[in-house]
Amino acid sequence: MNLRLAAKNTIALLPEAISRPLVHVPFSMRLGPAYNESQNLIRQHETIGLEEKKAWILSRLKFIVHFAYENSIAYRAIYERAKYHPDKLKNLSYFADVPIVKKVRFARV
């Protein structure tokens, strides 16, 4: 167990009168690695160009659509019913072709 997690678990057990001053600890120190990674990603995106941002967004969308298609029977059925395959997502303009998934569709799968 890392030190931050051990400290967090210990602080959670303290009475409020003792733990109350700990709210003044900066977020970067109390939220851990996931918070720091998100902050770094935000800083990177503030400095990159528009085309790089679009490429990053497209890569994330491709990953998500492929993941849903490969790992969810429901999404695969919905995509196949709409005659859509994730390989059709070539650029951001093709994202409009991705079937919109509504809760009602899951009931039919």
C-alpha atoms as a PDB file:
ATOM      1  CA  MET A   1       0.000   0.000   0.000  1.00  0.00           C
ATOM      2  CA  ASN A   2       1.435   3.382  -0.902  1.00  0.00           C
ATOM      3  CA  LEU A   3       1.953   6.083   1.666  1.00  0.00           C
ATOM      4  CA  ARG A   4      -0.779   8.413   0.366  1.00  0.00           C
ATOM      5  CA  LEU A   5      -3.415   5.705   0.459  1.00  0.00           C
ATOM      6  CA  ALA A   6      -2.383   4.642   3.964  1.00  0.00           C
ATOM      7  CA  ALA A   7      -2.566   8.261   5.137  1.00  0.00           C
ATOM      8  CA  LYS A   8      -5.965   8.761   3.470  1.00  0.00           C
ATOM      9  CA  ASN A   9      -7.388   5.634   5.107  1.00  0.00           C
ATOM     10  CA  THR A  10      -6.035   6.665   8.487  1.00  0.00           C
ATOM     11  CA  ILE A  11      -7.418  10.207   8.206  1.00  0.00           C
ATOM     12  CA  ALA A  12     -10.854   8.845   7.279  1.00  0.00           C
ATOM     13  CA  LEU A  13     -10.990   7.164  10.693  1.00  0.00           C
ATOM     14  CA  LEU A  14     -10.156  10.325  12.651  1.00  0.00           C
ATOM     15  CA  PRO A  15     -12.839  12.302  14.511  1.00  0.00           C
ATOM     16  CA  GLU A  16     -14.064  15.387  12.646  1.00  0.00           C
ATOM     17  CA  ALA A  17     -12.482  17.804  15.127  1.00  0.00           C
ATOM     18  CA  ILE A  18      -9.077  16.421  14.257  1.00  0.00           C
ATOM     19  CA  SER A  19      -9.598  15.826  10.535  1.00  0.00           C
ATOM     20  CA  ARG A  20     -11.295  19.196   9.832  1.00  0.00           C
ATOM     21  CA  PRO A  21      -8.033  21.169   9.380  1.00  0.00           C
ATOM     22  CA  LEU A  22      -6.934  18.655   6.767  1.00  0.00           C
ATOM     23  CA  VAL A  23      -9.382  20.155   4.237  1.00  0.00           C
ATOM     24  CA  HIS A  24      -6.785  22.870   3.681  1.00  0.00           C
ATOM     25  CA  VAL A  25      -4.359  20.405   2.112  1.00  0.00           C
ATOM     26  CA  PRO A  26      -3.954  21.248  -1.618  1.00  0.00           C
ATOM     27  CA  PHE A  27      -5.906  19.024  -4.018  1.00  0.00           C
ATOM     28  CA  SER A  28      -2.750  17.967  -5.840  1.00  0.00           C
ATOM     29  CA  MET A  29      -1.541  16.371  -2.648  1.00  0.00           C
ATOM     30  CA  ARG A  30      -4.760  14.673  -1.590  1.00  0.00           C
ATOM     31  CA  LEU A  31      -6.345  13.313  -4.736  1.00  0.00           C
ATOM     32  CA  GLY A  32      -3.495  11.103  -5.858  1.00  0.00           C
ATOM     33  CA  PRO A  33      -2.092   9.968  -9.197  1.00  0.00           C
ATOM     34  CA  ALA A  34      -5.341   9.939 -11.202  1.00  0.00           C
ATOM     35  CA  TYR A  35      -5.902  13.632 -10.399  1.00  0.00           C
ATOM     36  CA  ASN A  36      -2.319  14.495 -11.295  1.00  0.00           C
ATOM     37  CA  GLU A  37      -2.561  12.599 -14.600  1.00  0.00           C
ATOM     38  CA  SER A  38      -5.758  14.475 -15.481  1.00  0.00           C
ATOM     39  CA  GLN A  39      -4.129  17.797 -14.665  1.00  0.00           C
ATOM     40  CA  ASN A  40      -1.129  16.933 -16.861  1.00  0.00           C
ATOM     41  CA  LEU A  41      -3.440  15.993 -19.733  1.00  0.00           C
ATOM     42  CA  ILE A  42      -5.292  19.297 -19.405  1.00  0.00           C
ATOM     43  CA  ARG A  43      -2.000  21.232 -19.432  1.00  0.00           C
ATOM     44  CA  GLN A  44      -0.836  19.348 -22.539  1.00  0.00           C
ATOM     45  CA  HIS A  45      -4.076  20.095 -24.373  1.00  0.00           C
ATOM     46  CA  GLU A  46      -3.775  23.793 -23.578  1.00  0.00           C
ATOM     47  CA  THR A  47      -0.550  23.982 -25.576  1.00  0.00           C
ATOM     48  CA  ILE A  48      -1.110  21.657 -28.562  1.00  0.00           C
ATOM     49  CA  GLY A  49      -2.525  22.743 -31.907  1.00  0.00           C
ATOM     50  CA  LEU A  50      -6.033  22.172 -33.211  1.00  0.00           C
ATOM     51  CA  GLU A  51      -5.061  19.311 -35.540  1.00  0.00           C
ATOM     52  CA  GLU A  52      -3.297  17.481 -32.711  1.00  0.00           C
ATOM     53  CA  LYS A  53      -6.381  17.895 -30.509  1.00  0.00           C
ATOM     54  CA  LYS A  54      -8.608  16.527 -33.267  1.00  0.00           C
ATOM     55  CA  ALA A  55      -6.289  13.558 -33.762  1.00  0.00           C
ATOM     56  CA  TRP A  56      -6.309  12.826 -30.018  1.00  0.00           C
ATOM     57  CA  ILE A  57     -10.107  13.091 -29.838  1.00  0.00           C
ATOM     58  CA  LEU A  58     -10.480  10.802 -32.870  1.00  0.00           C
ATOM     59  CA  SER A  59      -8.157   8.203 -31.342  1.00  0.00           C
ATOM     60  CA  ARG A  60     -10.163   8.212 -28.089  1.00  0.00           C
ATOM     61  CA  LEU A  61     -13.485   7.954 -29.949  1.00  0.00           C
ATOM     62  CA  LYS A  62     -12.165   5.056 -32.052  1.00  0.00           C
ATOM     63  CA  PHE A  63     -11.012   3.295 -28.896  1.00  0.00           C
ATOM     64  CA  ILE A  64     -14.372   3.755 -27.155  1.00  0.00           C
ATOM     65  CA  VAL A  65     -16.460   2.664 -30.157  1.00  0.00           C
ATOM     66  CA  HIS A  66     -14.254  -0.377 -30.804  1.00  0.00           C
ATOM     67  CA  PHE A  67     -14.265  -1.280 -27.119  1.00  0.00           C
ATOM     68  CA  ALA A  68     -18.060  -1.131 -26.955  1.00  0.00           C
ATOM     69  CA  TYR A  69     -18.381  -3.201 -30.136  1.00  0.00           C
ATOM     70  CA  GLU A  70     -15.893  -5.864 -29.044  1.00  0.00           C
ATOM     71  CA  ASN A  71     -16.888  -6.131 -25.373  1.00  0.00           C
ATOM     72  CA  SER A  72     -20.643  -5.583 -25.221  1.00  0.00           C
ATOM     73  CA  ILE A  73     -23.155  -7.918 -26.799  1.00  0.00           C
ATOM     74  CA  ALA A  74     -25.776  -5.164 -26.600  1.00  0.00           C
ATOM     75  CA  TYR A  75     -23.676  -2.562 -28.415  1.00  0.00           C
ATOM     76  CA  ARG A  76     -22.596  -5.092 -31.039  1.00  0.00           C
ATOM     77  CA  ALA A  77     -26.246  -5.995 -31.707  1.00  0.00           C
ATOM     78  CA  ILE A  78     -27.263  -2.337 -31.954  1.00  0.00           C
ATOM     79  CA  TYR A  79     -24.378  -1.524 -34.303  1.00  0.00           C
ATOM     80  CA  GLU A  80     -25.074  -4.566 -36.476  1.00  0.00           C
ATOM     81  CA  ARG A  81     -28.791  -3.763 -36.628  1.00  0.00           C
ATOM     82  CA  ALA A  82     -27.828  -0.282 -37.854  1.00  0.00           C
ATOM     83  CA  LYS A  83     -25.323  -1.859 -40.315  1.00  0.00           C
ATOM     84  CA  TYR A  84     -22.493   0.025 -38.648  1.00  0.00           C
ATOM     85  CA  HIS A  85     -18.971  -1.211 -37.977  1.00  0.00           C
ATOM     86  CA  PRO A  86     -16.401   0.728 -35.889  1.00  0.00           C
ATOM     87  CA  ASP A  87     -13.898   0.623 -38.771  1.00  0.00           C
ATOM     88  CA  LYS A  88     -16.095   3.168 -40.561  1.00  0.00           C
ATOM     89  CA  LEU A  89     -14.924   5.830 -38.091  1.00  0.00           C
ATOM     90  CA  LYS A  90     -12.141   7.307 -40.268  1.00  0.00           C
ATOM     91  CA  ASN A  91     -12.311  10.970 -39.172  1.00  0.00           C
ATOM     92  CA  LEU A  92     -14.409  13.172 -36.908  1.00  0.00           C
ATOM     93  CA  SER A  93     -17.030  13.844 -39.571  1.00  0.00           C
ATOM     94  CA  TYR A  94     -17.835  10.099 -39.611  1.00  0.00           C
ATOM     95  CA  PHE A  95     -18.722  10.217 -35.908  1.00  0.00           C
ATOM     96  CA  ALA A  96     -22.205  11.349 -36.913  1.00  0.00           C
ATOM     97  CA  ASP A  97     -22.685   7.868 -38.433  1.00  0.00           C
ATOM     98  CA  VAL A  98     -22.227   6.091 -35.100  1.00  0.00           C
ATOM     99  CA  PRO A  99     -25.667   4.868 -33.997  1.00  0.00           C
ATOM    100  CA  ILE A 100     -27.126   6.791 -31.106  1.00  0.00           C
ATOM    101  CA  VAL A 101     -27.738   4.343 -28.299  1.00  0.00           C
ATOM    102  CA  LYS A 102     -30.800   4.970 -26.168  1.00  0.00           C
ATOM    103  CA  LYS A 103     -31.954   3.105 -23.107  1.00  0.00           C
ATOM    104  CA  VAL A 104     -34.984   1.781 -24.992  1.00  0.00           C
ATOM    105  CA  ARG A 105     -32.685  -0.045 -27.436  1.00  0.00           C
ATOM    106  CA  PHE A 106     -31.084  -2.019 -24.634  1.00  0.00           C
ATOM    107  CA  ALA A 107     -34.472  -3.437 -23.710  1.00  0.00           C
ATOM    108  CA  ARG A 108     -34.785  -4.940 -27.206  1.00  0.00           C
ATOM    109  CA  VAL A 109     -31.359  -6.603 -27.216  1.00  0.00           C
END
